[in-house]
Protein backbone atom coordinates (compact mmCIF):
# COMPACT_ATOMS: atom_id res chain seq x y z
CA UNK A 1 -6.76 9.93 -8.47
CA UNK A 2 -7.88 12.32 -6.33
CA UNK A 3 -10.29 14.03 -8.99
CA UNK A 4 -11.42 10.79 -9.91
CA UNK A 5 -12.19 9.98 -6.33
CA UNK A 6 -14.05 13.34 -5.55
CA UNK A 7 -16.12 13.32 -8.69
CA UNK A 8 -17.02 9.53 -7.65
CA UNK A 9 -17.85 10.68 -4.06
CA UNK A 10 -19.77 13.87 -4.92
CA UNK A 11 -22.16 11.80 -7.70
CA UNK A 12 -23.18 8.89 -5.69
CA UNK A 13 -23.33 9.63 -1.90
CA UNK A 14 -25.38 12.06 0.32
CA UNK A 15 -23.73 15.13 2.10
CA UNK A 16 -23.55 13.16 5.03
CA UNK A 17 -21.82 10.24 3.18
CA UNK A 18 -19.65 12.17 1.52
CA UNK A 19 -18.20 14.03 4.66
CA UNK A 20 -17.51 10.56 5.99
CA UNK A 21 -15.94 9.29 2.58
CA UNK A 22 -13.60 12.53 2.84
CA UNK A 23 -12.40 11.79 6.62
CA UNK A 24 -11.90 8.19 5.41
CA UNK A 25 -9.79 9.57 2.44
CA UNK A 26 -8.03 11.87 4.76
CA UNK A 27 -7.16 9.22 7.21
CA UNK A 28 -5.99 7.09 4.55
CA UNK A 29 -3.75 9.53 2.88
CA UNK A 30 -2.16 10.56 6.19
CA UNK A 31 -1.36 6.81 6.97
CA UNK A 32 0.47 6.45 3.32
CA UNK A 33 2.40 9.60 3.82
CA UNK A 34 3.30 8.60 7.22
CA UNK A 35 4.34 5.02 5.35
CA UNK A 36 2.13 3.20 7.54
CA UNK A 37 1.80 0.34 5.16
CA UNK A 38 5.51 -0.67 5.71
CA UNK A 39 4.38 -1.62 9.38
CA UNK A 40 4.53 -5.53 9.58
CA UNK A 41 0.32 -5.55 9.86
CA UNK A 42 -0.90 -8.96 9.13
CA UNK A 43 -4.60 -8.51 8.78
CA UNK A 44 -7.37 -5.97 7.35
CA UNK A 45 -8.43 -5.26 10.84
CA UNK A 46 -4.79 -4.54 12.16
CA UNK A 47 -4.61 -2.22 9.42
CA UNK A 48 -7.89 -0.56 10.04
CA UNK A 49 -7.32 -0.03 13.72
CA UNK A 50 -3.95 1.49 12.42
CA UNK A 51 -5.46 4.04 10.39
CA UNK A 52 -8.51 4.35 13.01
CA UNK A 53 -11.30 3.10 10.41
CA UNK A 54 -13.65 0.24 11.08
CA UNK A 55 -12.14 -2.74 8.53
CA UNK A 56 -15.25 -2.92 6.46
CA UNK A 57 -15.20 0.86 5.48
CA UNK A 58 -11.46 0.74 4.77
CA UNK A 59 -11.98 -2.03 2.66
CA UNK A 60 -14.81 -0.65 0.70
CA UNK A 61 -13.00 2.71 0.21
CA UNK A 62 -9.69 0.89 -0.74
CA UNK A 63 -11.76 -1.00 -3.38
CA UNK A 64 -13.46 1.94 -4.60
CA UNK A 65 -10.19 3.78 -4.98
CA UNK A 66 -8.40 1.29 -6.79
CA UNK A 67 -10.67 -1.87 -7.49
CA UNK A 68 -8.29 -3.98 -5.50
CA UNK A 69 -8.80 -5.74 -2.06
CA UNK A 70 -7.07 -3.85 0.64
CA UNK A 71 -4.30 -6.26 1.39
CA UNK A 72 -3.30 -6.24 -2.34
CA UNK A 73 -3.40 -2.70 -2.22
CA UNK A 74 -1.06 -2.44 0.70
CA UNK A 75 1.24 -5.09 -0.71
CA UNK A 76 1.48 -3.08 -3.98
CA UNK A 77 2.45 -0.18 -1.69
CA UNK A 78 5.10 -1.92 -0.21
CA UNK A 79 6.40 -3.17 -3.28
CA UNK A 80 6.68 0.28 -4.79
CA UNK A 81 8.38 1.54 -1.89
CA UNK A 82 10.77 -1.63 -2.13
CA UNK A 83 11.54 -0.69 -5.52
CA UNK A 84 12.76 2.83 -4.69
CA UNK A 85 14.89 1.55 -1.97
CA UNK A 86 16.44 -0.96 -4.03
CA UNK A 87 17.00 1.71 -6.81
CA UNK A 88 18.32 4.30 -4.00
CA UNK A 89 20.54 2.04 -1.98
CA UNK A 90 22.07 -0.22 -4.57
CA UNK A 91 24.56 -1.71 -1.76
CA UNK A 92 21.67 -2.58 0.83
CA UNK A 93 20.81 -6.15 1.23
CA UNK A 94 17.50 -7.25 -0.45
CA UNK A 95 16.37 -8.73 3.00
CA UNK A 96 17.02 -5.30 4.51
CA UNK A 97 14.82 -4.03 1.88
CA UNK A 98 11.90 -6.42 2.78
CA UNK A 99 12.41 -5.58 6.46
CA UNK A 100 12.02 -2.00 5.79
CA UNK A 101 8.70 -2.24 3.86
CA UNK A 102 7.23 -4.48 6.56
CA UNK A 103 7.51 -7.88 5.11
CA UNK A 104 10.33 -9.62 7.47
CA UNK A 105 10.58 -13.24 5.81
CA UNK A 106 13.25 -13.05 2.84
CA UNK A 107 11.19 -15.85 1.03
CA UNK A 108 7.78 -14.08 1.40
CA UNK A 109 9.41 -10.99 0.18
CA UNK A 110 10.79 -12.49 -2.79
CA UNK A 111 7.31 -13.98 -3.33
CA UNK A 112 5.51 -10.89 -2.97
CA UNK A 113 7.86 -8.74 -4.91
CA UNK A 114 7.78 -11.32 -7.96
CA UNK A 115 4.05 -11.50 -8.08
CA UNK A 116 3.76 -7.62 -8.31
CA UNK A 117 6.78 -7.08 -10.70
CA UNK A 118 7.34 -10.03 -12.46
CA UNK A 119 11.20 -10.66 -11.38
CA UNK A 120 12.52 -10.99 -8.25
CA UNK A 121 14.25 -7.99 -6.27
CA UNK A 122 17.30 -8.99 -7.06
CA UNK A 123 16.83 -9.29 -10.86
CA UNK A 124 14.89 -5.85 -10.94
CA UNK A 125 17.56 -4.10 -8.99
CA UNK A 126 20.26 -5.61 -11.45
CA UNK A 127 18.18 -4.29 -14.32
CA UNK A 128 17.95 -0.99 -12.88
CA UNK A 129 21.89 -0.90 -12.28
CA UNK A 130 22.61 -1.49 -16.30
């Protein structure tokens, strides 16, 4: 993904624009490594403020990177983390895992997980434990 992004940035942007895009990339990568996506931030503006980038620039960058809206991208990161936690901590309550990934409402966590994975967290965990 990094190589793809690097080629994309080099092809379509001036040198100043490339430097700016690389600063955005570094800020986003730092946020992802720090698992900033697990914070219960509700809006694109709150996420952008947490990363330290204007919301419109962050949204454009994420769309360029993933082809998805910012909040969809963040939801998918949360669900990937939830899958890891469900697998690594089979005795941890599903509701606690939802809270750990930034989705505090149990039914909302179940809904988001099902949208991304195609099954509930409990079903996914049971399938992993077989």
